[in-house]
């Protein structure tokens, strides 16, 4: 009981110390609010409000139908141009897409002859240009197919491809980015808070006060772990309710409680990583460099930014040992696909196994650093 009381009061000391560190408090608030919002809404792989113009040299019912098929929010209202205005408009960057419908376009299609529409693309914004080209091709193909199916022409597509998207029917990038941002902030903030707490003790000279007290290295380390983990858990729960579900309106398919249980499990590894880096770095500057070196790599290999399957086979086998990969995997399964414990327990088990082993190693290293300080 005495050890538990020591861990409890030391943890309260950590919380008071964190409350007095204005920079860290502001950083935590920013990381779980504005940072998640900007990452979710700031980048998008969808076409949104793209400028488009048409050169209609056919003037037929079909060409007018094609022009009317482009409307907000994917595209701006189409602007009609003359053929002699296209080059100047593209050079001036007025339009991202210019569609030129040639003369006799409808008549050739009715007669079963090959007809081509020219799409000019300003590929300065490469992602929007490549995705938008696919949108334009599909829209024009659909309009032509629908128009000719009502005409006398014998127009039959070789295959009818029907696409149904599960879990994110409209392909909203913000739904995916919001959850990925939240998962990344858990890894980043937990490691920073725990490691910064150790380095702050060393830089402020309060580590000597702890060393003269009847405290073990395990009590000191566990106090830092539970206090900083509690801060992250509260921040994650608030961010999920207010930012992800409230502001961004991301639907959560699975159990938030199961997800929070997984977060708590993952915090064993993240806090252990913070303790480890806190014993390696001697100053906050060194700690910041180690964060960049290690955490950025963990985030890139976790499967949050790109699928694990797109990595080389040897790297996939290596990342299987990373708890961050399993954290991202069960987070997406629970929040996106509504998976239960029967589907994610292997990820939970792997996170617990590797996290516990690394926590034991970090605690051993922390004991050694405490012994050297004495």
Protein backbone atom coordinates (compact mmCIF):
# COMPACT_ATOMS: atom_id res chain seq x y z
CA UNK A 1 0.00 0.00 0.00
CA UNK A 2 2.85 2.37 0.81
CA UNK A 3 4.28 1.91 -2.69
CA UNK A 4 0.90 2.56 -4.28
CA UNK A 5 0.53 5.71 -2.19
CA UNK A 6 3.98 6.88 -3.30
CA UNK A 7 3.09 6.26 -6.95
CA UNK A 8 -0.20 8.13 -6.52
CA UNK A 9 1.31 11.24 -4.90
CA UNK A 10 4.23 11.32 -7.30
CA UNK A 11 1.73 11.15 -10.16
CA UNK A 12 -0.16 14.11 -8.73
CA UNK A 13 3.14 15.97 -8.56
CA UNK A 14 3.63 15.25 -12.27
CA UNK A 15 0.18 16.60 -13.09
CA UNK A 16 0.87 19.80 -11.15
CA UNK A 17 4.21 20.13 -12.89
CA UNK A 18 2.54 19.71 -16.28
CA UNK A 19 -0.10 22.28 -15.38
CA UNK A 20 2.66 24.75 -14.64
CA UNK A 21 4.32 24.18 -18.02
CA UNK A 22 2.27 26.53 -20.19
CA UNK A 23 4.02 25.57 -23.42
CA UNK A 24 3.28 21.86 -23.01
CA UNK A 25 -0.33 22.50 -21.99
CA UNK A 26 -0.91 24.68 -25.07
CA UNK A 27 0.81 22.06 -27.22
CA UNK A 28 -1.48 19.30 -25.93
CA UNK A 29 -4.59 21.41 -26.51
CA UNK A 30 -3.46 22.31 -30.02
CA UNK A 31 -2.47 18.75 -30.91
CA UNK A 32 -5.88 17.28 -30.07
CA UNK A 33 -8.01 20.09 -31.50
CA UNK A 34 -6.71 22.39 -34.22
CA UNK A 35 -3.99 20.01 -35.47
CA UNK A 36 -6.53 17.22 -36.02
CA UNK A 37 -8.98 19.59 -37.72
CA UNK A 38 -6.40 21.07 -40.08
CA UNK A 39 -4.99 17.65 -41.01
CA UNK A 40 -8.49 16.34 -41.69
CA UNK A 41 -9.68 19.29 -43.76
CA UNK A 42 -6.40 20.80 -44.95
CA UNK A 43 -5.51 18.08 -47.44
CA UNK A 44 -7.81 16.17 -49.73
CA UNK A 45 -7.45 13.62 -52.50
CA UNK A 46 -10.87 14.55 -53.87
CA UNK A 47 -11.73 17.10 -56.52
CA UNK A 48 -13.35 20.11 -54.89
CA UNK A 49 -14.34 23.41 -56.53
CA UNK A 50 -12.15 22.76 -59.57
CA UNK A 51 -12.37 25.38 -62.32
CA UNK A 52 -13.54 24.04 -65.68
CA UNK A 53 -14.37 25.52 -69.09
CA UNK A 54 -15.95 24.09 -72.25
CA UNK A 55 -15.45 24.75 -75.92
CA UNK A 56 -18.69 23.51 -77.47
CA UNK A 57 -18.19 23.35 -81.23
CA UNK A 58 -20.98 20.83 -81.64
CA UNK A 59 -23.88 22.76 -80.13
CA UNK A 60 -25.95 19.61 -79.91
CA UNK A 61 -28.30 18.29 -77.24
CA UNK A 62 -25.62 15.83 -76.13
CA UNK A 63 -22.94 18.50 -75.75
CA UNK A 64 -25.30 20.68 -73.68
CA UNK A 65 -26.15 17.65 -71.54
CA UNK A 66 -22.43 17.04 -70.89
CA UNK A 67 -21.84 20.67 -69.90
CA UNK A 68 -24.80 20.60 -67.48
CA UNK A 69 -23.41 17.47 -65.78
CA UNK A 70 -20.59 19.48 -64.18
CA UNK A 71 -21.68 21.37 -61.10
CA UNK A 72 -20.56 22.17 -57.50
CA UNK A 73 -19.12 21.05 -55.17
CA UNK A 74 -16.77 18.95 -57.31
CA UNK A 75 -16.50 21.56 -60.06
CA UNK A 76 -17.24 25.24 -60.41
CA UNK A 77 -19.98 26.25 -62.80
CA UNK A 78 -18.63 25.66 -66.32
CA UNK A 79 -17.52 28.66 -68.37
CA UNK A 80 -18.01 28.65 -72.12
CA UNK A 81 -14.98 29.62 -74.21
CA UNK A 82 -14.22 30.05 -77.87
CA UNK A 83 -11.60 27.84 -79.48
CA UNK A 84 -9.25 30.80 -79.87
CA UNK A 85 -9.43 31.62 -76.14
CA UNK A 86 -8.21 28.29 -74.76
CA UNK A 87 -4.44 28.85 -74.93
CA UNK A 88 -4.57 32.27 -73.25
CA UNK A 89 -6.94 31.01 -70.54
CA UNK A 90 -4.72 28.01 -69.73
CA UNK A 91 -1.53 30.10 -69.75
CA UNK A 92 -3.12 32.56 -67.33
CA UNK A 93 -4.12 29.70 -65.00
CA UNK A 94 -7.82 30.60 -65.11
CA UNK A 95 -8.96 27.00 -65.48
CA UNK A 96 -7.67 23.64 -64.34
CA UNK A 97 -9.65 21.77 -66.99
CA UNK A 98 -10.81 22.74 -70.47
CA UNK A 99 -13.03 20.28 -72.37
CA UNK A 100 -13.27 20.73 -76.15
CA UNK A 101 -16.23 19.03 -77.84
CA UNK A 102 -15.58 18.81 -81.59
CA UNK A 103 -18.11 19.46 -84.37
CA UNK A 104 -20.46 16.61 -85.31
CA UNK A 105 -19.72 14.88 -82.00
CA UNK A 106 -23.30 13.74 -81.42
CA UNK A 107 -23.88 12.74 -85.07
CA UNK A 108 -20.76 10.56 -85.15
CA UNK A 109 -21.74 8.79 -81.95
CA UNK A 110 -25.27 8.18 -83.22
CA UNK A 111 -23.82 6.67 -86.37
CA UNK A 112 -21.64 4.35 -84.34
CA UNK A 113 -18.44 6.10 -85.39
CA UNK A 114 -15.58 6.90 -83.05
CA UNK A 115 -15.72 10.42 -81.62
CA UNK A 116 -13.24 12.04 -79.24
CA UNK A 117 -13.50 14.99 -76.89
CA UNK A 118 -10.27 16.74 -75.95
CA UNK A 119 -9.55 17.50 -72.28
CA UNK A 120 -6.81 20.03 -71.57
CA UNK A 121 -5.44 19.82 -68.01
CA UNK A 122 -3.31 22.24 -66.02
CA UNK A 123 -1.23 19.69 -64.10
CA UNK A 124 0.40 22.27 -61.81
CA UNK A 125 -1.72 20.81 -58.99
CA UNK A 126 -0.79 17.25 -59.88
CA UNK A 127 -3.05 15.32 -57.47
CA UNK A 128 -6.17 17.31 -58.29
CA UNK A 129 -5.36 17.11 -62.00
CA UNK A 130 -4.95 13.33 -62.05
CA UNK A 131 -8.03 12.65 -59.93
CA UNK A 132 -10.08 15.26 -61.79
CA UNK A 133 -9.23 13.68 -65.15
CA UNK A 134 -10.80 10.46 -63.94
CA UNK A 135 -13.90 12.34 -62.76
CA UNK A 136 -14.29 14.04 -66.16
CA UNK A 137 -13.83 10.79 -68.08
CA UNK A 138 -16.45 9.02 -65.97
CA UNK A 139 -18.95 11.87 -66.16
CA UNK A 140 -18.68 12.18 -69.94
CA UNK A 141 -18.88 8.40 -70.41
CA UNK A 142 -21.98 8.19 -68.23
CA UNK A 143 -23.68 11.05 -70.07
CA UNK A 144 -22.89 9.57 -73.49
CA UNK A 145 -24.09 6.11 -72.44
CA UNK A 146 -27.31 7.51 -71.01
CA UNK A 147 -27.94 9.66 -74.08
CA UNK A 148 -27.30 6.92 -76.62
CA UNK A 149 -29.37 4.37 -74.72
CA UNK A 150 -32.39 6.57 -75.53
CA UNK A 151 -31.40 6.92 -79.20
CA UNK A 152 -31.57 4.49 -82.09
CA UNK A 153 -27.85 3.71 -82.00
CA UNK A 154 -26.93 0.23 -80.87
CA UNK A 155 -24.62 1.22 -78.04
CA UNK A 156 -23.69 -1.51 -75.65
CA UNK A 157 -20.86 -1.24 -73.14
CA UNK A 158 -18.74 -4.40 -72.86
CA UNK A 159 -19.16 -4.44 -69.08
CA UNK A 160 -21.27 -2.69 -66.50
CA UNK A 161 -19.07 -1.90 -63.53
CA UNK A 162 -20.95 -1.02 -60.36
CA UNK A 163 -18.85 0.36 -57.50
CA UNK A 164 -20.07 0.36 -53.93
CA UNK A 165 -17.90 1.85 -51.23
CA UNK A 166 -18.10 0.39 -47.76
CA UNK A 167 -17.63 2.42 -44.55
CA UNK A 168 -17.06 5.72 -46.44
CA UNK A 169 -19.60 5.84 -49.30
CA UNK A 170 -18.75 9.35 -50.49
CA UNK A 171 -14.99 8.89 -50.20
CA UNK A 172 -14.60 11.73 -47.69
CA UNK A 173 -10.89 12.22 -47.09
CA UNK A 174 -11.55 14.07 -43.82
CA UNK A 175 -13.09 10.93 -42.29
CA UNK A 176 -9.88 9.00 -42.85
CA UNK A 177 -7.47 11.84 -42.05
CA UNK A 178 -9.19 12.72 -38.77
CA UNK A 179 -8.74 9.25 -37.28
CA UNK A 180 -5.18 8.93 -38.60
CA UNK A 181 -4.32 12.33 -37.09
CA UNK A 182 -5.79 11.30 -33.74
CA UNK A 183 -3.80 8.05 -33.73
CA UNK A 184 -0.57 9.88 -34.62
CA UNK A 185 -1.10 12.46 -31.88
CA UNK A 186 -1.44 9.68 -29.30
CA UNK A 187 2.00 8.33 -30.22
CA UNK A 188 3.58 11.77 -30.46
CA UNK A 189 2.15 13.42 -27.36
CA UNK A 190 2.52 10.42 -25.05
CA UNK A 191 6.19 10.05 -25.90
CA UNK A 192 6.85 13.78 -25.62
CA UNK A 193 5.07 14.21 -22.28
CA UNK A 194 6.75 11.23 -20.62
CA UNK A 195 10.23 11.96 -21.96
CA UNK A 196 9.93 15.68 -21.26
CA UNK A 197 8.91 14.92 -17.67
CA UNK A 198 12.18 13.02 -17.09
CA UNK A 199 14.34 15.64 -18.75
CA UNK A 200 12.55 18.43 -16.91
CA UNK A 201 13.40 16.78 -13.59
CA UNK A 202 17.05 16.61 -14.63
CA UNK A 203 17.26 20.17 -15.97
CA UNK A 204 15.45 21.71 -12.99
CA UNK A 205 17.50 19.76 -10.48
CA UNK A 206 14.46 18.16 -8.83
CA UNK A 207 15.74 14.66 -9.64
CA UNK A 208 18.16 15.05 -6.74
CA UNK A 209 15.22 15.68 -4.41
CA UNK A 210 13.64 12.42 -5.50
CA UNK A 211 16.89 10.50 -5.07
CA UNK A 212 17.21 11.42 -1.39
CA UNK A 213 13.66 10.22 -0.70
CA UNK A 214 12.84 6.57 0.11
CA UNK A 215 11.57 5.93 -3.41
CA UNK A 216 12.45 3.21 -5.87
CA UNK A 217 13.15 3.81 -9.54
CA UNK A 218 10.03 1.81 -10.42
CA UNK A 219 7.81 4.07 -8.31
CA UNK A 220 9.21 7.18 -9.98
CA UNK A 221 8.81 5.74 -13.47
CA UNK A 222 5.31 4.33 -12.92
CA UNK A 223 4.14 7.65 -11.48
CA UNK A 224 5.27 9.44 -14.62
CA UNK A 225 3.63 6.79 -16.77
CA UNK A 226 0.17 6.83 -15.19
CA UNK A 227 -0.07 10.61 -14.86
CA UNK A 228 0.93 11.35 -18.45
CA UNK A 229 -1.15 8.45 -19.77
CA UNK A 230 -4.17 9.85 -17.93
CA UNK A 231 -3.68 13.22 -19.63
CA UNK A 232 -3.57 11.53 -23.05
CA UNK A 233 -6.63 9.38 -22.35
CA UNK A 234 -8.69 12.41 -21.32
CA UNK A 235 -7.45 14.36 -24.34
CA UNK A 236 -8.28 11.48 -26.73
CA UNK A 237 -11.78 11.05 -25.31
CA UNK A 238 -12.47 14.80 -25.52
CA UNK A 239 -11.05 15.02 -29.04
CA UNK A 240 -13.11 12.06 -30.23
CA UNK A 241 -16.33 13.56 -28.89
CA UNK A 242 -15.79 17.24 -29.72
CA UNK A 243 -13.50 17.40 -32.77
CA UNK A 244 -13.87 14.09 -34.63
CA UNK A 245 -17.57 13.39 -34.07
CA UNK A 246 -18.77 16.91 -33.25
CA UNK A 247 -16.98 19.32 -35.58
CA UNK A 248 -15.85 16.99 -38.38
CA UNK A 249 -18.96 14.78 -38.10
CA UNK A 250 -17.06 11.55 -38.65
CA UNK A 251 -19.34 8.57 -37.96
CA UNK A 252 -17.85 6.02 -35.58
CA UNK A 253 -18.93 2.52 -36.57
CA UNK A 254 -17.55 0.59 -33.60
CA UNK A 255 -17.40 0.87 -29.84
CA UNK A 256 -15.60 3.99 -28.53
CA UNK A 257 -15.02 2.14 -25.26
CA UNK A 258 -13.19 -0.67 -27.04
CA UNK A 259 -11.08 1.89 -28.85
CA UNK A 260 -10.24 3.67 -25.57
CA UNK A 261 -9.26 0.31 -24.08
CA UNK A 262 -6.89 -0.19 -27.01
CA UNK A 263 -5.48 3.30 -26.52
CA UNK A 264 -4.82 2.54 -22.85
CA UNK A 265 -3.04 -0.66 -23.85
CA UNK A 266 -0.93 1.12 -26.45
CA UNK A 267 0.10 3.75 -23.90
CA UNK A 268 2.28 1.14 -22.19
CA UNK A 269 4.50 1.13 -25.26
CA UNK A 270 4.31 4.90 -25.93
CA UNK A 271 5.15 5.85 -22.34
CA UNK A 272 7.95 3.28 -22.29
CA UNK A 273 9.34 4.87 -25.44
CA UNK A 274 9.21 8.26 -23.74
CA UNK A 275 11.05 6.90 -20.69
CA UNK A 276 13.65 5.29 -22.95
CA UNK A 277 14.28 8.48 -24.94
CA UNK A 278 14.32 10.47 -21.70
CA UNK A 279 17.20 8.33 -20.43
CA UNK A 280 19.12 8.57 -23.73
CA UNK A 281 18.80 12.34 -24.25
CA UNK A 282 20.49 14.69 -21.83
CA UNK A 283 18.75 17.89 -22.96
CA UNK A 284 15.43 18.85 -24.51
CA UNK A 285 17.19 19.68 -27.78
CA UNK A 286 18.57 16.14 -28.04
CA UNK A 287 15.16 14.76 -27.10
CA UNK A 288 13.50 16.75 -29.90
CA UNK A 289 15.96 15.37 -32.45
CA UNK A 290 15.33 11.81 -31.27
CA UNK A 291 11.58 12.37 -31.58
CA UNK A 292 12.03 13.34 -35.23
CA UNK A 293 14.34 10.40 -35.88
CA UNK A 294 12.19 7.71 -34.27
CA UNK A 295 8.55 8.77 -34.13
CA UNK A 296 8.32 9.99 -37.71
CA UNK A 297 9.63 6.60 -38.87
CA UNK A 298 7.13 4.78 -36.65
CA UNK A 299 4.25 6.84 -38.07
CA UNK A 300 5.32 6.23 -41.66
CA UNK A 301 5.66 2.47 -41.13
CA UNK A 302 2.49 2.07 -39.08
CA UNK A 303 0.16 1.93 -42.10
CA UNK A 304 -1.67 5.14 -41.26
CA UNK A 305 -0.34 7.18 -44.16
CA UNK A 306 0.07 4.37 -46.70
CA UNK A 307 -1.10 0.72 -46.52
CA UNK A 308 1.35 -1.75 -45.02
CA UNK A 309 0.76 -3.94 -48.08
CA UNK A 310 2.46 -1.33 -50.29
CA UNK A 311 5.73 -1.75 -48.39
CA UNK A 312 8.42 -4.28 -49.40
CA UNK A 313 7.81 -7.77 -48.00
CA UNK A 314 10.90 -7.69 -45.79
CA UNK A 315 9.77 -4.38 -44.30
CA UNK A 316 6.26 -5.70 -43.68
CA UNK A 317 7.75 -8.52 -41.62
CA UNK A 318 9.83 -6.04 -39.68
CA UNK A 319 6.92 -3.71 -38.95
CA UNK A 320 4.95 -6.65 -37.54
CA UNK A 321 6.99 -6.10 -34.38
CA UNK A 322 5.98 -2.44 -34.12
CA UNK A 323 3.05 -1.77 -31.74
CA UNK A 324 2.23 1.36 -33.75
CA UNK A 325 1.29 -0.82 -36.74
CA UNK A 326 -1.12 -2.89 -34.64
CA UNK A 327 -2.47 0.28 -32.99
CA UNK A 328 -3.36 1.77 -36.38
CA UNK A 329 -4.79 -1.56 -37.53
CA UNK A 330 -7.20 -2.09 -34.63
CA UNK A 331 -8.10 1.64 -34.53
CA UNK A 332 -9.23 1.56 -38.16
CA UNK A 333 -10.99 -1.77 -37.65
CA UNK A 334 -12.95 -0.53 -34.64
CA UNK A 335 -13.72 3.03 -35.73
CA UNK A 336 -14.28 2.45 -39.46
CA UNK A 337 -15.48 -1.13 -39.77
CA UNK A 338 -17.19 -1.62 -36.41
CA UNK A 339 -15.01 -4.59 -35.44
CA UNK A 340 -15.42 -6.20 -32.04
CA UNK A 341 -12.91 -7.74 -29.67
CA UNK A 342 -13.12 -11.07 -31.51
CA UNK A 343 -11.61 -9.40 -34.60
CA UNK A 344 -8.95 -7.21 -32.98
CA UNK A 345 -7.72 -9.33 -30.09
CA UNK A 346 -4.58 -10.48 -32.01
CA UNK A 347 -3.58 -6.81 -32.41
CA UNK A 348 -4.34 -6.16 -28.75
CA UNK A 349 -2.23 -9.15 -27.74
CA UNK A 350 0.71 -8.07 -29.90
CA UNK A 351 0.60 -4.51 -28.53
CA UNK A 352 0.49 -5.85 -24.97
CA UNK A 353 3.35 -8.30 -25.55
CA UNK A 354 5.77 -5.92 -27.27
CA UNK A 355 4.72 -2.97 -25.09
CA UNK A 356 5.28 -4.89 -21.87
CA UNK A 357 8.70 -6.12 -23.02
CA UNK A 358 9.81 -2.65 -24.02
CA UNK A 359 8.40 -1.18 -20.81
CA UNK A 360 10.46 -3.64 -18.78
CA UNK A 361 13.58 -2.74 -20.76
CA UNK A 362 12.96 1.01 -20.38
CA UNK A 363 12.40 0.59 -16.63
CA UNK A 364 15.69 -1.32 -16.35
CA UNK A 365 17.48 1.46 -18.21
CA UNK A 366 15.81 4.08 -16.01
CA UNK A 367 16.99 2.23 -12.87
CA UNK A 368 20.52 2.27 -14.27
CA UNK A 369 20.40 6.01 -14.96
CA UNK A 370 19.05 6.64 -11.44
CA UNK A 371 21.88 4.55 -9.97
CA UNK A 372 24.46 6.57 -11.90
CA UNK A 373 22.89 9.82 -10.67
CA UNK A 374 23.27 8.70 -7.07
